PDB file of N, CA and C in Angstrom:
ATOM      1  N   MET A   1     -36.738 -11.417   4.114  1.00  0.00           N
ATOM      2  CA  MET A   1     -36.327 -12.102   5.285  1.00  0.00           C
ATOM      3  C   MET A   1     -35.947 -13.298   5.400  1.00  0.00           C
ATOM      4  N   SER A   2     -35.328 -14.344   5.548  1.00  0.00           N
ATOM      5  CA  SER A   2     -35.389 -16.044   5.717  1.00  0.00           C
ATOM      6  C   SER A   2     -35.121 -16.113   6.804  1.00  0.00           C
ATOM      7  N   ASN A   3     -35.730 -16.627   8.163  1.00  0.00           N
ATOM      8  CA  ASN A   3     -34.748 -16.603   9.325  1.00  0.00           C
ATOM      9  C   ASN A   3     -35.209 -18.153   9.083  1.00  0.00           C
ATOM     10  N   VAL A   4     -34.075 -18.994   9.517  1.00  0.00           N
ATOM     11  CA  VAL A   4     -34.134 -20.556   9.761  1.00  0.00           C
ATOM     12  C   VAL A   4     -33.703 -20.763  11.299  1.00  0.00           C
ATOM     13  N   THR A   5     -34.501 -21.844  12.196  1.00  0.00           N
ATOM     14  CA  THR A   5     -34.380 -22.514  13.207  1.00  0.00           C
ATOM     15  C   THR A   5     -33.356 -23.572  12.535  1.00  0.00           C
ATOM     16  N   ALA A   6     -32.149 -23.133  13.644  1.00  0.00           N
ATOM     17  CA  ALA A   6     -30.946 -24.000  13.127  1.00  0.00           C
ATOM     18  C   ALA A   6     -30.713 -25.254  14.705  1.00  0.00           C
ATOM     19  N   SER A   7     -31.413 -26.210  14.652  1.00  0.00           N
ATOM     20  CA  SER A   7     -30.957 -27.266  15.787  1.00  0.00           C
ATOM     21  C   SER A   7     -29.650 -27.761  16.025  1.00  0.00           C
ATOM     22  N   GLY A   8     -29.520 -27.785  17.105  1.00  0.00           N
ATOM     23  CA  GLY A   8     -28.056 -28.099  17.520  1.00  0.00           C
ATOM     24  C   GLY A   8     -28.150 -29.554  18.093  1.00  0.00           C
ATOM     25  N   THR A   9     -27.339 -30.299  18.478  1.00  0.00           N
ATOM     26  CA  THR A   9     -27.274 -31.570  19.382  1.00  0.00           C
ATOM     27  C   THR A   9     -26.919 -31.233  20.198  1.00  0.00           C
ATOM     28  N   GLY A  10     -26.444 -32.194  21.457  1.00  0.00           N
ATOM     29  CA  GLY A  10     -26.431 -31.729  22.784  1.00  0.00           C
ATOM     30  C   GLY A  10     -27.592 -31.025  23.406  1.00  0.00           C
ATOM     31  N   GLU A  11     -27.084 -29.784  24.074  1.00  0.00           N
ATOM     32  CA  GLU A  11     -27.911 -29.270  24.667  1.00  0.00           C
ATOM     33  C   GLU A  11     -29.360 -28.831  24.260  1.00  0.00           C
ATOM     34  N   GLY A  12     -29.983 -28.891  22.853  1.00  0.00           N
ATOM     35  CA  GLY A  12     -30.858 -28.559  22.277  1.00  0.00           C
ATOM     36  C   GLY A  12     -30.973 -27.444  21.914  1.00  0.00           C
ATOM     37  N   ALA A  13     -29.555 -26.826  21.824  1.00  0.00           N
ATOM     38  CA  ALA A  13     -30.020 -24.846  21.603  1.00  0.00           C
ATOM     39  C   ALA A  13     -30.302 -25.274  20.013  1.00  0.00           C
ATOM     40  N   GLN A  14     -31.401 -23.783  20.176  1.00  0.00           N
ATOM     41  CA  GLN A  14     -31.823 -23.667  18.599  1.00  0.00           C
ATOM     42  C   GLN A  14     -31.664 -21.963  18.538  1.00  0.00           C
ATOM     43  N   HIS A  15     -31.246 -22.000  17.196  1.00  0.00           N
ATOM     44  CA  HIS A  15     -31.019 -20.198  16.856  1.00  0.00           C
ATOM     45  C   HIS A  15     -31.659 -19.794  15.642  1.00  0.00           C
ATOM     46  N   GLU A  16     -32.122 -18.392  15.909  1.00  0.00           N
ATOM     47  CA  GLU A  16     -32.450 -17.897  14.569  1.00  0.00           C
ATOM     48  C   GLU A  16     -31.831 -17.433  13.860  1.00  0.00           C
ATOM     49  N   VAL A  17     -31.232 -17.808  12.594  1.00  0.00           N
ATOM     50  CA  VAL A  17     -30.387 -17.359  11.786  1.00  0.00           C
ATOM     51  C   VAL A  17     -30.707 -16.955  10.485  1.00  0.00           C
ATOM     52  N   ASP A  18     -30.662 -15.552  10.098  1.00  0.00           N
ATOM     53  CA  ASP A  18     -30.910 -15.045   8.938  1.00  0.00           C
ATOM     54  C   ASP A  18     -30.382 -15.581   7.658  1.00  0.00           C
ATOM     55  N   PHE A  19     -30.453 -16.406   6.478  1.00  0.00           N
ATOM     56  CA  PHE A  19     -29.915 -17.125   5.656  1.00  0.00           C
ATOM     57  C   PHE A  19     -30.026 -16.059   4.539  1.00  0.00           C
ATOM     58  N   SER A  20     -30.691 -15.093   4.848  1.00  0.00           N
ATOM     59  CA  SER A  20     -30.934 -13.988   3.555  1.00  0.00           C
ATOM     60  C   SER A  20     -29.779 -13.888   2.653  1.00  0.00           C
ATOM     61  N   TYR A  21     -29.706 -14.022   1.394  1.00  0.00           N
ATOM     62  CA  TYR A  21     -28.004 -14.006   0.337  1.00  0.00           C
ATOM     63  C   TYR A  21     -28.418 -11.960   0.178  1.00  0.00           C
ATOM     64  N   GLN A  22     -29.874 -11.536   0.570  1.00  0.00           N
ATOM     65  CA  GLN A  22     -29.546  -9.916   0.529  1.00  0.00           C
ATOM     66  C   GLN A  22     -29.150  -9.250   1.367  1.00  0.00           C
ATOM     67  N   GLN A  23     -28.657 -10.079   2.420  1.00  0.00           N
ATOM     68  CA  GLN A  23     -28.092  -9.412   3.229  1.00  0.00           C
ATOM     69  C   GLN A  23     -26.464  -9.160   3.246  1.00  0.00           C
ATOM     70  N   LEU A  24     -26.319  -9.852   2.012  1.00  0.00           N
ATOM     71  CA  LEU A  24     -24.522  -9.513   1.785  1.00  0.00           C
ATOM     72  C   LEU A  24     -24.416  -8.739   0.407  1.00  0.00           C
ATOM     73  N   ASP A  25     -23.285  -7.892   0.285  1.00  0.00           N
ATOM     74  CA  ASP A  25     -23.320  -7.052  -0.105  1.00  0.00           C
ATOM     75  C   ASP A  25     -22.963  -7.242  -1.628  1.00  0.00           C
ATOM     76  N   LYS A  26     -23.795  -6.628  -2.386  1.00  0.00           N
ATOM     77  CA  LYS A  26     -23.291  -7.511  -3.827  1.00  0.00           C
ATOM     78  C   LYS A  26     -22.067  -6.583  -4.729  1.00  0.00           C
ATOM     79  N   VAL A  27     -21.537  -5.608  -4.263  1.00  0.00           N
ATOM     80  CA  VAL A  27     -20.827  -4.975  -4.545  1.00  0.00           C
ATOM     81  C   VAL A  27     -19.227  -5.796  -3.991  1.00  0.00           C
ATOM     82  N   ILE A  28     -19.051  -6.144  -2.950  1.00  0.00           N
ATOM     83  CA  ILE A  28     -18.056  -6.906  -2.455  1.00  0.00           C
ATOM     84  C   ILE A  28     -18.246  -8.219  -3.117  1.00  0.00           C
ATOM     85  N   HIS A  29     -19.289  -8.908  -2.479  1.00  0.00           N
ATOM     86  CA  HIS A  29     -19.623 -10.233  -2.980  1.00  0.00           C
ATOM     87  C   HIS A  29     -19.221 -10.899  -4.297  1.00  0.00           C
ATOM     88  N   SER A  30     -17.754 -10.452  -4.388  1.00  0.00           N
ATOM     89  CA  SER A  30     -17.077 -11.211  -6.162  1.00  0.00           C
ATOM     90  C   SER A  30     -15.607 -11.681  -5.638  1.00  0.00           C
ATOM     91  N   ARG A  31     -15.143 -12.672  -5.495  1.00  0.00           N
ATOM     92  CA  ARG A  31     -13.792 -12.935  -4.955  1.00  0.00           C
ATOM     93  C   ARG A  31     -13.133 -11.862  -5.518  1.00  0.00           C
ATOM     94  N   ILE A  32     -12.854 -11.449  -6.799  1.00  0.00           N
ATOM     95  CA  ILE A  32     -11.956 -10.543  -7.026  1.00  0.00           C
ATOM     96  C   ILE A  32     -11.634  -9.164  -6.307  1.00  0.00           C
ATOM     97  N   ARG A  33     -13.486  -8.892  -6.190  1.00  0.00           N
ATOM     98  CA  ARG A  33     -13.170  -7.534  -5.120  1.00  0.00           C
ATOM     99  C   ARG A  33     -12.982  -7.560  -3.975  1.00  0.00           C
ATOM    100  N   PHE A  34     -13.459  -9.213  -3.364  1.00  0.00           N
ATOM    101  CA  PHE A  34     -13.494  -9.356  -2.016  1.00  0.00           C
ATOM    102  C   PHE A  34     -12.010  -9.539  -1.789  1.00  0.00           C
ATOM    103  N   ALA A  35     -11.002  -9.696  -2.739  1.00  0.00           N
ATOM    104  CA  ALA A  35      -9.871 -10.098  -2.351  1.00  0.00           C
ATOM    105  C   ALA A  35      -8.717  -8.760  -2.415  1.00  0.00           C
ATOM    106  N   ALA A  36      -9.563  -8.128  -3.446  1.00  0.00           N
ATOM    107  CA  ALA A  36      -9.112  -6.438  -3.261  1.00  0.00           C
ATOM    108  C   ALA A  36      -9.175  -5.950  -1.699  1.00  0.00           C
ATOM    109  N   LEU A  37     -10.239  -6.312  -1.955  1.00  0.00           N
ATOM    110  CA  LEU A  37     -10.502  -4.938  -0.355  1.00  0.00           C
ATOM    111  C   LEU A  37     -10.202  -5.737   1.052  1.00  0.00           C
ATOM    112  N   CYS A  38      -9.711  -7.676   1.258  1.00  0.00           N
ATOM    113  CA  CYS A  38      -9.085  -7.764   1.888  1.00  0.00           C
ATOM    114  C   CYS A  38      -7.684  -7.270   2.132  1.00  0.00           C
ATOM    115  N   TYR A  39      -7.161  -7.420   0.821  1.00  0.00           N
ATOM    116  CA  TYR A  39      -5.774  -6.681   0.848  1.00  0.00           C
ATOM    117  C   TYR A  39      -5.597  -4.813   1.000  1.00  0.00           C
ATOM    118  N   LEU A  40      -6.347  -4.632   0.984  1.00  0.00           N
ATOM    119  CA  LEU A  40      -6.442  -2.855   1.050  1.00  0.00           C
ATOM    120  C   LEU A  40      -6.455  -2.404   2.647  1.00  0.00           C
ATOM    121  N   GLU A  41      -7.065  -3.622   2.938  1.00  0.00           N
ATOM    122  CA  GLU A  41      -7.627  -3.629   4.445  1.00  0.00           C
ATOM    123  C   GLU A  41      -6.352  -3.371   5.361  1.00  0.00           C
ATOM    124  N   THR A  42      -5.605  -4.478   4.966  1.00  0.00           N
ATOM    125  CA  THR A  42      -4.171  -4.383   5.394  1.00  0.00           C
ATOM    126  C   THR A  42      -3.021  -3.306   5.419  1.00  0.00           C
ATOM    127  N   VAL A  43      -3.386  -2.549   4.512  1.00  0.00           N
ATOM    128  CA  VAL A  43      -2.218  -1.947   4.074  1.00  0.00           C
ATOM    129  C   VAL A  43      -2.854  -0.351   3.753  1.00  0.00           C
ATOM    130  N   ARG A  44      -1.948   0.772   4.208  1.00  0.00           N
ATOM    131  CA  ARG A  44      -3.055   2.160   3.667  1.00  0.00           C
ATOM    132  C   ARG A  44      -3.233   2.245   2.589  1.00  0.00           C
ATOM    133  N   GLN A  45      -2.233   1.662   1.226  1.00  0.00           N
ATOM    134  CA  GLN A  45      -2.570   2.041  -0.061  1.00  0.00           C
ATOM    135  C   GLN A  45      -1.848   1.385  -0.295  1.00  0.00           C
ATOM    136  N   ALA A  46      -2.222   0.958  -2.156  1.00  0.00           N
ATOM    137  CA  ALA A  46      -1.347   0.055  -2.763  1.00  0.00           C
ATOM    138  C   ALA A  46      -1.861   0.573  -4.316  1.00  0.00           C
ATOM    139  N   SER A  47      -0.750   0.080  -4.813  1.00  0.00           N
ATOM    140  CA  SER A  47      -0.565   0.026  -6.386  1.00  0.00           C
ATOM    141  C   SER A  47      -1.749  -0.529  -6.909  1.00  0.00           C
ATOM    142  N   PHE A  48      -1.953  -0.539  -8.027  1.00  0.00           N
ATOM    143  CA  PHE A  48      -2.319  -1.432  -9.264  1.00  0.00           C
ATOM    144  C   PHE A  48      -1.937  -2.815  -9.029  1.00  0.00           C
ATOM    145  N   ILE A  49      -0.560  -2.400  -9.791  1.00  0.00           N
ATOM    146  CA  ILE A  49       0.280  -3.463  -9.272  1.00  0.00           C
ATOM    147  C   ILE A  49       0.261  -4.714  -8.216  1.00  0.00           C
ATOM    148  N   GLU A  50       0.777  -3.832  -7.454  1.00  0.00           N
ATOM    149  CA  GLU A  50       0.734  -4.626  -6.168  1.00  0.00           C
ATOM    150  C   GLU A  50      -0.172  -5.429  -5.793  1.00  0.00           C
ATOM    151  N   ILE A  51      -1.415  -4.776  -5.840  1.00  0.00           N
ATOM    152  CA  ILE A  51      -3.091  -5.634  -5.751  1.00  0.00           C
ATOM    153  C   ILE A  51      -3.260  -6.813  -6.759  1.00  0.00           C
ATOM    154  N   ARG A  52      -2.621  -6.552  -8.093  1.00  0.00           N
ATOM    155  CA  ARG A  52      -2.833  -7.201  -8.769  1.00  0.00           C
ATOM    156  C   ARG A  52      -1.766  -8.631  -8.345  1.00  0.00           C
ATOM    157  N   GLU A  53      -0.485  -8.536  -8.014  1.00  0.00           N
ATOM    158  CA  GLU A  53       0.463  -9.174  -7.929  1.00  0.00           C
ATOM    159  C   GLU A  53       0.088 -10.204  -6.285  1.00  0.00           C
ATOM    160  N   HIS A  54      -0.735  -9.303  -5.866  1.00  0.00           N
ATOM    161  CA  HIS A  54      -1.293  -9.925  -4.268  1.00  0.00           C
ATOM    162  C   HIS A  54      -2.381 -11.377  -4.485  1.00  0.00           C
ATOM    163  N   ILE A  55      -3.475 -10.327  -4.879  1.00  0.00           N
ATOM    164  CA  ILE A  55      -4.284 -11.289  -5.582  1.00  0.00           C
ATOM    165  C   ILE A  55      -4.483 -12.070  -6.155  1.00  0.00           C
ATOM    166  N   GLY A  56      -3.506 -12.520  -7.194  1.00  0.00           N
ATOM    167  CA  GLY A  56      -3.450 -13.067  -8.496  1.00  0.00           C
ATOM    168  C   GLY A  56      -4.700 -13.002  -9.448  1.00  0.00           C
ATOM    169  N   ALA A  57      -4.773 -11.935  -9.971  1.00  0.00           N
ATOM    170  CA  ALA A  57      -6.110 -11.399 -11.044  1.00  0.00           C
ATOM    171  C   ALA A  57      -5.271 -10.648 -12.135  1.00  0.00           C
ATOM    172  N   THR A  58      -5.923 -10.900 -13.218  1.00  0.00           N
ATOM    173  CA  THR A  58      -5.378 -10.399 -14.532  1.00  0.00           C
ATOM    174  C   THR A  58      -5.580  -8.787 -14.297  1.00  0.00           C
ATOM    175  N   ASP A  59      -4.847  -7.951 -15.733  1.00  0.00           N
ATOM    176  CA  ASP A  59      -4.856  -6.623 -15.365  1.00  0.00           C
ATOM    177  C   ASP A  59      -6.253  -6.328 -15.710  1.00  0.00           C
ATOM    178  N   GLY A  60      -6.839  -7.097 -16.657  1.00  0.00           N
ATOM    179  CA  GLY A  60      -7.939  -6.727 -17.308  1.00  0.00           C
ATOM    180  C   GLY A  60      -9.325  -6.419 -16.256  1.00  0.00           C
ATOM    181  N   ASN A  61      -9.079  -8.067 -15.366  1.00  0.00           N
ATOM    182  CA  ASN A  61     -10.488  -8.371 -14.531  1.00  0.00           C
ATOM    183  C   ASN A  61     -10.296  -7.661 -13.296  1.00  0.00           C
ATOM    184  N   LEU A  62      -9.263  -7.122 -12.931  1.00  0.00           N
ATOM    185  CA  LEU A  62      -8.869  -6.575 -11.864  1.00  0.00           C
ATOM    186  C   LEU A  62      -9.224  -4.630 -11.875  1.00  0.00           C
ATOM    187  N   SER A  63      -8.538  -4.851 -13.501  1.00  0.00           N
ATOM    188  CA  SER A  63      -9.343  -3.164 -13.949  1.00  0.00           C
ATOM    189  C   SER A  63     -11.023  -2.975 -13.694  1.00  0.00           C
ATOM    190  N   VAL A  64     -11.354  -4.062 -14.249  1.00  0.00           N
ATOM    191  CA  VAL A  64     -13.077  -3.646 -14.172  1.00  0.00           C
ATOM    192  C   VAL A  64     -13.817  -4.132 -12.602  1.00  0.00           C
ATOM    193  N   HIS A  65     -13.117  -4.576 -11.799  1.00  0.00           N
ATOM    194  CA  HIS A  65     -13.745  -4.687 -10.658  1.00  0.00           C
ATOM    195  C   HIS A  65     -12.999  -3.640  -9.535  1.00  0.00           C
ATOM    196  N   MET A  66     -12.115  -3.390  -9.810  1.00  0.00           N
ATOM    197  CA  MET A  66     -11.829  -1.644  -9.352  1.00  0.00           C
ATOM    198  C   MET A  66     -12.739  -0.462  -9.602  1.00  0.00           C
ATOM    199  N   ARG A  67     -12.928  -0.694 -10.899  1.00  0.00           N
ATOM    200  CA  ARG A  67     -13.633   0.181 -11.086  1.00  0.00           C
ATOM    201  C   ARG A  67     -15.356  -0.301 -10.684  1.00  0.00           C
ATOM    202  N   LYS A  68     -15.521  -0.994 -10.608  1.00  0.00           N
ATOM    203  CA  LYS A  68     -16.882  -1.226  -9.829  1.00  0.00           C
ATOM    204  C   LYS A  68     -17.110  -0.337  -7.953  1.00  0.00           C
ATOM    205  N   LEU A  69     -15.602  -0.955  -7.398  1.00  0.00           N
ATOM    206  CA  LEU A  69     -15.430  -0.386  -6.290  1.00  0.00           C
ATOM    207  C   LEU A  69     -15.486   0.854  -5.939  1.00  0.00           C
ATOM    208  N   GLU A  70     -14.607   1.521  -6.804  1.00  0.00           N
ATOM    209  CA  GLU A  70     -14.777   2.950  -7.115  1.00  0.00           C
ATOM    210  C   GLU A  70     -16.149   3.665  -7.336  1.00  0.00           C
ATOM    211  N   ALA A  71     -16.893   3.111  -8.252  1.00  0.00           N
ATOM    212  CA  ALA A  71     -17.968   3.626  -8.484  1.00  0.00           C
ATOM    213  C   ALA A  71     -19.255   3.724  -7.399  1.00  0.00           C
ATOM    214  N   ALA A  72     -18.830   2.116  -6.326  1.00  0.00           N
ATOM    215  CA  ALA A  72     -19.411   2.207  -4.800  1.00  0.00           C
ATOM    216  C   ALA A  72     -18.956   3.091  -4.101  1.00  0.00           C
ATOM    217  N   GLY A  73     -18.195   4.095  -4.434  1.00  0.00           N
ATOM    218  CA  GLY A  73     -17.204   4.771  -3.012  1.00  0.00           C
ATOM    219  C   GLY A  73     -16.753   3.800  -2.394  1.00  0.00           C
ATOM    220  N   TYR A  74     -16.334   2.795  -2.801  1.00  0.00           N
ATOM    221  CA  TYR A  74     -15.547   1.911  -1.875  1.00  0.00           C
ATOM    222  C   TYR A  74     -14.316   1.750  -1.717  1.00  0.00           C
ATOM    223  N   VAL A  75     -13.677   2.397  -2.813  1.00  0.00           N
ATOM    224  CA  VAL A  75     -11.982   2.686  -2.948  1.00  0.00           C
ATOM    225  C   VAL A  75     -12.040   4.024  -3.403  1.00  0.00           C
ATOM    226  N   TYR A  76     -10.839   4.722  -3.350  1.00  0.00           N
ATOM    227  CA  TYR A  76     -10.610   5.679  -4.216  1.00  0.00           C
ATOM    228  C   TYR A  76      -8.525   5.616  -4.753  1.00  0.00           C
ATOM    229  N   CYS A  77      -9.227   6.190  -6.416  1.00  0.00           N
ATOM    230  CA  CYS A  77      -7.928   5.974  -6.842  1.00  0.00           C
ATOM    231  C   CYS A  77      -7.389   7.154  -6.927  1.00  0.00           C
ATOM    232  N   ASP A  78      -5.920   7.146  -6.573  1.00  0.00           N
ATOM    233  CA  ASP A  78      -5.112   8.535  -7.084  1.00  0.00           C
ATOM    234  C   ASP A  78      -4.503   8.045  -8.251  1.00  0.00           C
ATOM    235  N   LYS A  79      -4.372   8.646  -9.236  1.00  0.00           N
ATOM    236  CA  LYS A  79      -3.430   8.370 -10.480  1.00  0.00           C
ATOM    237  C   LYS A  79      -2.863   9.514 -10.948  1.00  0.00           C
ATOM    238  N   THR A  80      -1.404   8.980 -11.044  1.00  0.00           N
ATOM    239  CA  THR A  80      -0.357   9.992 -11.125  1.00  0.00           C
ATOM    240  C   THR A  80       0.279   9.274 -11.936  1.00  0.00           C
ATOM    241  N   TYR A  81       1.818   9.896 -11.792  1.00  0.00           N
ATOM    242  CA  TYR A  81       2.839   9.248 -12.722  1.00  0.00           C
ATOM    243  C   TYR A  81       4.438   9.664 -11.953  1.00  0.00           C
ATOM    244  N   LYS A  82       4.733   7.957 -12.615  1.00  0.00           N
ATOM    245  CA  LYS A  82       5.879   7.770 -12.093  1.00  0.00           C
ATOM    246  C   LYS A  82       6.922   7.475 -13.189  1.00  0.00           C
ATOM    247  N   LYS A  83       7.827   8.488 -13.219  1.00  0.00           N
ATOM    248  CA  LYS A  83       9.139   8.503 -14.180  1.00  0.00           C
ATOM    249  C   LYS A  83       8.179   8.302 -15.803  1.00  0.00           C
ATOM    250  N   ARG A  84       7.168   8.978 -16.188  1.00  0.00           N
ATOM    251  CA  ARG A  84       6.312   9.100 -17.116  1.00  0.00           C
ATOM    252  C   ARG A  84       5.540   8.135 -17.712  1.00  0.00           C
ATOM    253  N   VAL A  85       5.137   7.335 -16.534  1.00  0.00           N
ATOM    254  CA  VAL A  85       4.834   5.614 -16.574  1.00  0.00           C
ATOM    255  C   VAL A  85       3.231   6.135 -15.215  1.00  0.00           C
ATOM    256  N   PRO A  86       2.118   5.550 -16.019  1.00  0.00           N
ATOM    257  CA  PRO A  86       0.729   6.118 -15.188  1.00  0.00           C
ATOM    258  C   PRO A  86       1.310   4.941 -14.042  1.00  0.00           C
ATOM    259  N   LEU A  87       0.551   5.433 -13.144  1.00  0.00           N
ATOM    260  CA  LEU A  87       0.475   4.840 -11.785  1.00  0.00           C
ATOM    261  C   LEU A  87      -0.940   4.736 -11.035  1.00  0.00           C
ATOM    262  N   SER A  88      -1.474   3.772 -10.716  1.00  0.00           N
ATOM    263  CA  SER A  88      -2.449   3.858 -10.097  1.00  0.00           C
ATOM    264  C   SER A  88      -2.234   3.442  -8.770  1.00  0.00           C
ATOM    265  N   VAL A  89      -2.873   4.501  -7.854  1.00  0.00           N
ATOM    266  CA  VAL A  89      -2.823   4.250  -6.283  1.00  0.00           C
ATOM    267  C   VAL A  89      -4.205   3.912  -5.549  1.00  0.00           C
ATOM    268  N   TYR A  90      -4.278   2.800  -5.128  1.00  0.00           N
ATOM    269  CA  TYR A  90      -5.851   2.609  -4.867  1.00  0.00           C
ATOM    270  C   TYR A  90      -5.931   2.647  -2.941  1.00  0.00           C
ATOM    271  N   SER A  91      -7.063   3.335  -2.152  1.00  0.00           N
ATOM    272  CA  SER A  91      -7.387   3.192  -0.766  1.00  0.00           C
ATOM    273  C   SER A  91      -8.509   2.545  -0.586  1.00  0.00           C
ATOM    274  N   MET A  92      -8.932   1.973   0.722  1.00  0.00           N
ATOM    275  CA  MET A  92     -10.306   2.110   0.674  1.00  0.00           C
ATOM    276  C   MET A  92     -10.599   3.577   1.463  1.00  0.00           C
ATOM    277  N   THR A  93     -11.866   3.744   1.294  1.00  0.00           N
ATOM    278  CA  THR A  93     -12.542   4.919   1.290  1.00  0.00           C
ATOM    279  C   THR A  93     -13.466   4.781   3.442  1.00  0.00           C
ATOM    280  N   SER A  94     -13.084   5.786   3.946  1.00  0.00           N
ATOM    281  CA  SER A  94     -14.190   5.394   5.349  1.00  0.00           C
ATOM    282  C   SER A  94     -15.759   4.520   4.574  1.00  0.00           C
ATOM    283  N   GLN A  95     -16.393   4.710   3.896  1.00  0.00           N
ATOM    284  CA  GLN A  95     -17.443   3.973   3.255  1.00  0.00           C
ATOM    285  C   GLN A  95     -17.107   2.787   3.102  1.00  0.00           C
ATOM    286  N   GLY A  96     -15.903   2.786   2.210  1.00  0.00           N
ATOM    287  CA  GLY A  96     -15.597   1.112   1.866  1.00  0.00           C
ATOM    288  C   GLY A  96     -15.524   0.233   3.399  1.00  0.00           C
ATOM    289  N   ARG A  97     -14.693   1.145   3.832  1.00  0.00           N
ATOM    290  CA  ARG A  97     -13.923   0.304   5.374  1.00  0.00           C
ATOM    291  C   ARG A  97     -15.586  -0.095   6.210  1.00  0.00           C
ATOM    292  N   SER A  98     -16.477   0.689   6.203  1.00  0.00           N
ATOM    293  CA  SER A  98     -17.552   0.658   6.840  1.00  0.00           C
ATOM    294  C   SER A  98     -18.493  -0.717   5.982  1.00  0.00           C
ATOM    295  N   ALA A  99     -18.706  -0.060   4.778  1.00  0.00           N
ATOM    296  CA  ALA A  99     -19.337  -1.497   4.248  1.00  0.00           C
ATOM    297  C   ALA A  99     -18.444  -3.112   4.235  1.00  0.00           C
ATOM    298  N   PHE A 100     -17.298  -2.216   4.203  1.00  0.00           N
ATOM    299  CA  PHE A 100     -16.471  -4.212   4.345  1.00  0.00           C
ATOM    300  C   PHE A 100     -17.161  -4.639   6.222  1.00  0.00           C
ATOM    301  N   MET A 101     -16.906  -3.832   6.567  1.00  0.00           N
ATOM    302  CA  MET A 101     -16.773  -4.661   8.339  1.00  0.00           C
ATOM    303  C   MET A 101     -18.123  -5.150   8.634  1.00  0.00           C
ATOM    304  N   VAL A 102     -19.699  -4.299   7.828  1.00  0.00           N
ATOM    305  CA  VAL A 102     -20.453  -4.840   7.681  1.00  0.00           C
ATOM    306  C   VAL A 102     -20.480  -6.233   7.133  1.00  0.00           C
ATOM    307  N   TYR A 103     -20.134  -6.102   5.703  1.00  0.00           N
ATOM    308  CA  TYR A 103     -19.856  -7.636   4.646  1.00  0.00           C
ATOM    309  C   TYR A 103     -19.315  -8.529   5.878  1.00  0.00           C
ATOM    310  N   LYS A 104     -18.387  -8.261   6.679  1.00  0.00           N
ATOM    311  CA  LYS A 104     -17.906  -9.287   6.795  1.00  0.00           C
ATOM    312  C   LYS A 104     -18.697  -9.788   8.598  1.00  0.00           C
ATOM    313  N   LYS A 105     -19.258  -8.759   9.184  1.00  0.00           N
ATOM    314  CA  LYS A 105     -20.431  -9.368  10.348  1.00  0.00           C
ATOM    315  C   LYS A 105     -21.365  -9.927   9.858  1.00  0.00           C
ATOM    316  N   SER A 106     -21.762  -9.648   8.522  1.00  0.00           N
ATOM    317  CA  SER A 106     -22.779 -10.452   7.626  1.00  0.00           C
ATOM    318  C   SER A 106     -22.282 -11.923   7.971  1.00  0.00           C
ATOM    319  N   ILE A 107     -21.234 -12.249   7.076  1.00  0.00           N
ATOM    320  CA  ILE A 107     -20.797 -13.271   6.664  1.00  0.00           C
ATOM    321  C   ILE A 107     -20.578 -14.213   7.969  1.00  0.00           C
ATOM    322  N   HIS A 108     -19.723 -13.822   8.835  1.00  0.00           N
ATOM    323  CA  HIS A 108     -19.641 -14.738  10.548  1.00  0.00           C
ATOM    324  C   HIS A 108     -21.312 -15.183  10.798  1.00  0.00           C
ATOM    325  N   ARG A 109     -22.014 -13.854  10.539  1.00  0.00           N
ATOM    326  CA  ARG A 109     -23.549 -14.849  10.932  1.00  0.00           C
ATOM    327  C   ARG A 109     -23.830 -15.760  10.461  1.00  0.00           C
ATOM    328  N   PHE A 110     -23.500 -15.903   9.286  1.00  0.00           N
ATOM    329  CA  PHE A 110     -23.769 -17.343   8.430  1.00  0.00           C
ATOM    330  C   PHE A 110     -23.474 -18.733   9.166  1.00  0.00           C
ATOM    331  N   PHE A 111     -21.767 -17.834   9.399  1.00  0.00           N
ATOM    332  CA  PHE A 111     -21.667 -19.472  10.031  1.00  0.00           C
ATOM    333  C   PHE A 111     -21.562 -19.833  11.596  1.00  0.00           C
ATOM    334  N   SER A 112     -22.047 -18.671  12.213  1.00  0.00           N
ATOM    335  CA  SER A 112     -22.450 -19.174  13.425  1.00  0.00           C
ATOM    336  C   SER A 112     -22.867 -20.003  14.326  1.00  0.00           C
ATOM    337  N   PRO A 113     -23.982 -19.940  13.657  1.00  0.00           N
ATOM    338  CA  PRO A 113     -24.460 -21.162  14.279  1.00  0.00           C
ATOM    339  C   PRO A 113     -23.974 -22.464  14.165  1.00  0.00           C
ATOM    340  N   PHE A 114     -23.182 -22.626  13.396  1.00  0.00           N
ATOM    341  CA  PHE A 114     -21.891 -23.742  12.843  1.00  0.00           C
ATOM    342  C   PHE A 114     -21.102 -24.030  14.035  1.00  0.00           C
ATOM    343  N   GLU A 115     -20.531 -22.806  14.397  1.00  0.00           N
ATOM    344  CA  GLU A 115     -19.218 -22.751  15.240  1.00  0.00           C
ATOM    345  C   GLU A 115     -19.822 -22.998  16.300  1.00  0.00           C
ATOM    346  N   GLN A 116     -21.289 -22.700  16.555  1.00  0.00           N
ATOM    347  CA  GLN A 116     -22.030 -23.005  18.319  1.00  0.00           C
ATOM    348  C   GLN A 116     -22.032 -24.264  18.420  1.00  0.00           C
ATOM    349  N   LEU A 117     -22.385 -25.024  17.253  1.00  0.00           N
ATOM    350  CA  LEU A 117     -22.864 -26.439  17.301  1.00  0.00           C
ATOM    351  C   LEU A 117     -21.774 -27.248  17.244  1.00  0.00           C
ATOM    352  N   GLN A 118     -20.408 -27.073  16.949  1.00  0.00           N
ATOM    353  CA  GLN A 118     -19.370 -27.468  17.121  1.00  0.00           C
ATOM    354  C   GLN A 118     -18.312 -27.361  18.337  1.00  0.00           C
ATOM    355  N   GLY A 119     -18.722 -26.124  19.209  1.00  0.00           N
ATOM    356  CA  GLY A 119     -18.039 -25.791  20.149  1.00  0.00           C
ATOM    357  C   GLY A 119     -18.742 -26.180  21.139  1.00  0.00           C
TER     358      GLY A 119
END
């Protein structure tokens, strides 16, 4: 753990902040996986195509990243067929929602000393 004291101007406030990268979930901390989870957090479920269109990833890139999220237990993939065409529908699992909430809190802690300094 790497605690650093961030000194502010004004009232001389000091804050102990953990800037250690190890507190960030390495599964989530990828641009594509992060964007996919952000989108899935706003909807109950989404098809592969919907996710791809909303986050701007390529098929191959998104496929690899969604498999990593699935392997971590953060998303569930329901593979069905729609008019004989394969359809992958993803939803965030409770484990994924919990991990994402922890991740967001960790990110917020990185920025909180700076928000307090500006406020």
